[in-house]
C-alpha atoms as a PDB file:
ATOM      1  CA  MET A   1       0.000   0.000   0.000  1.00  0.00           C
ATOM      2  CA  SER A   2       1.449   3.383  -0.955  1.00  0.00           C
ATOM      3  CA  SER A   3       1.385   6.315   1.440  1.00  0.00           C
ATOM      4  CA  GLY A   4      -1.273   7.945  -0.754  1.00  0.00           C
ATOM      5  CA  ASP A   5      -3.518   4.912  -0.280  1.00  0.00           C
ATOM      6  CA  GLU A   6      -3.021   5.057   3.498  1.00  0.00           C
ATOM      7  CA  HIS A   7      -4.364   8.627   3.628  1.00  0.00           C
ATOM      8  CA  ARG A   8      -7.544   7.527   1.838  1.00  0.00           C
ATOM      9  CA  ARG A   9      -8.174   4.476   4.040  1.00  0.00           C
ATOM     10  CA  HIS A  10     -11.637   4.387   5.618  1.00  0.00           C
ATOM     11  CA  PHE A  11     -12.105   3.247   9.218  1.00  0.00           C
ATOM     12  CA  CYS A  12     -14.354   3.966  12.186  1.00  0.00           C
ATOM     13  CA  VAL A  13     -13.664   5.202  15.686  1.00  0.00           C
ATOM     14  CA  SER A  14     -16.054   4.965  18.619  1.00  0.00           C
ATOM     15  CA  LEU A  15     -17.631   8.083  20.131  1.00  0.00           C
ATOM     16  CA  THR A  16     -18.410   6.603  23.520  1.00  0.00           C
ATOM     17  CA  ASN A  17     -20.571   9.352  25.010  1.00  0.00           C
ATOM     18  CA  LEU A  18     -22.779   9.401  21.895  1.00  0.00           C
ATOM     19  CA  HIS A  19     -22.889   5.595  21.474  1.00  0.00           C
ATOM     20  CA  VAL A  20     -22.048   5.837  17.756  1.00  0.00           C
ATOM     21  CA  ASN A  21     -19.168   5.115  15.411  1.00  0.00           C
ATOM     22  CA  LEU A  22     -17.658   7.853  13.271  1.00  0.00           C
ATOM     23  CA  GLU A  23     -16.268   6.937   9.867  1.00  0.00           C
ATOM     24  CA  THR A  24     -13.088   8.716   8.873  1.00  0.00           C
ATOM     25  CA  ILE A  25     -10.865   8.760   5.813  1.00  0.00           C
ATOM     26  CA  GLY A  26      -7.198   8.466   6.671  1.00  0.00           C
ATOM     27  CA  GLY A  27      -7.806   9.308  10.328  1.00  0.00           C
ATOM     28  CA  VAL A  28      -8.859  12.915   9.729  1.00  0.00           C
ATOM     29  CA  THR A  29     -12.183  14.279  10.963  1.00  0.00           C
ATOM     30  CA  TYR A  30     -13.677  17.735  11.471  1.00  0.00           C
ATOM     31  CA  PRO A  31     -15.677  17.804  14.756  1.00  0.00           C
ATOM     32  CA  HIS A  32     -16.969  21.362  14.300  1.00  0.00           C
ATOM     33  CA  HIS A  33     -18.511  20.427  10.924  1.00  0.00           C
ATOM     34  CA  ILE A  34     -20.326  17.500  12.517  1.00  0.00           C
ATOM     35  CA  PHE A  35     -21.172  18.761  16.010  1.00  0.00           C
ATOM     36  CA  GLY A  36     -20.916  22.568  15.798  1.00  0.00           C
ATOM     37  CA  SER A  37     -18.542  25.240  17.062  1.00  0.00           C
ATOM     38  CA  ASN A  38     -16.106  24.759  19.934  1.00  0.00           C
ATOM     39  CA  MET A  39     -16.161  20.962  19.825  1.00  0.00           C
ATOM     40  CA  ALA A  40     -13.174  18.702  20.416  1.00  0.00           C
ATOM     41  CA  LEU A  41     -12.451  15.026  20.921  1.00  0.00           C
ATOM     42  CA  ARG A  42     -10.848  13.485  24.012  1.00  0.00           C
ATOM     43  CA  SER A  43      -9.022  10.168  23.741  1.00  0.00           C
ATOM     44  CA  GLU A  44      -9.428   7.346  26.257  1.00  0.00           C
ATOM     45  CA  GLU A  45      -5.972   8.258  27.547  1.00  0.00           C
ATOM     46  CA  GLY A  46      -7.293  11.726  28.465  1.00  0.00           C
ATOM     47  CA  GLU A  47      -5.616  13.669  25.650  1.00  0.00           C
ATOM     48  CA  LEU A  48      -7.752  16.562  24.388  1.00  0.00           C
ATOM     49  CA  LEU A  49      -7.542  16.703  20.584  1.00  0.00           C
ATOM     50  CA  LEU A  50      -8.154  20.311  19.595  1.00  0.00           C
ATOM     51  CA  PRO A  51      -8.803  21.121  15.934  1.00  0.00           C
ATOM     52  CA  GLY A  52      -5.849  22.267  13.816  1.00  0.00           C
ATOM     53  CA  ALA A  53      -5.664  25.376  11.642  1.00  0.00           C
ATOM     54  CA  ASN A  54      -8.204  23.954   9.183  1.00  0.00           C
ATOM     55  CA  GLY A  55     -10.429  22.414  11.855  1.00  0.00           C
ATOM     56  CA  GLU A  56      -8.980  18.927  11.426  1.00  0.00           C
ATOM     57  CA  VAL A  57      -8.498  16.367  14.190  1.00  0.00           C
ATOM     58  CA  HIS A  58      -6.392  13.239  13.650  1.00  0.00           C
ATOM     59  CA  VAL A  59      -7.713  10.026  15.215  1.00  0.00           C
ATOM     60  CA  LYS A  60      -6.257   6.529  15.477  1.00  0.00           C
ATOM     61  CA  GLU A  61      -7.861   3.421  14.052  1.00  0.00           C
ATOM     62  CA  GLY A  62      -9.667   1.479  16.764  1.00  0.00           C
ATOM     63  CA  GLY A  63      -9.633   4.524  19.039  1.00  0.00           C
ATOM     64  CA  ARG A  64     -12.369   5.451  21.477  1.00  0.00           C
ATOM     65  CA  TYR A  65     -13.145   9.144  21.987  1.00  0.00           C
ATOM     66  CA  THR A  66     -15.640  11.413  23.707  1.00  0.00           C
ATOM     67  CA  VAL A  67     -17.040  14.556  22.106  1.00  0.00           C
ATOM     68  CA  GLU A  68     -16.618  17.600  24.344  1.00  0.00           C
ATOM     69  CA  HIS A  69     -17.581  21.258  24.220  1.00  0.00           C
ATOM     70  CA  VAL A  70     -14.616  23.551  24.863  1.00  0.00           C
ATOM     71  CA  LEU A  71     -14.615  27.265  25.576  1.00  0.00           C
ATOM     72  CA  PRO A  72     -11.993  29.428  23.848  1.00  0.00           C
ATOM     73  CA  LYS A  73      -9.923  31.676  26.101  1.00  0.00           C
END
């Protein structure tokens, strides 16, 4: 598999507090597009995944996350 194929790979992660799975392509998702402004994901390990410059959040295959509202400072 080439690195280009890896970035287009589809997989799901679990959103535990919503009891749903979220499909992603290459591990990139955009929480604010799905859930609204000021949303972030928190990993099972406790890491808060804030959106990048373009609103993207990178998730790991098989990961379990919670969706959280965050307030900008």
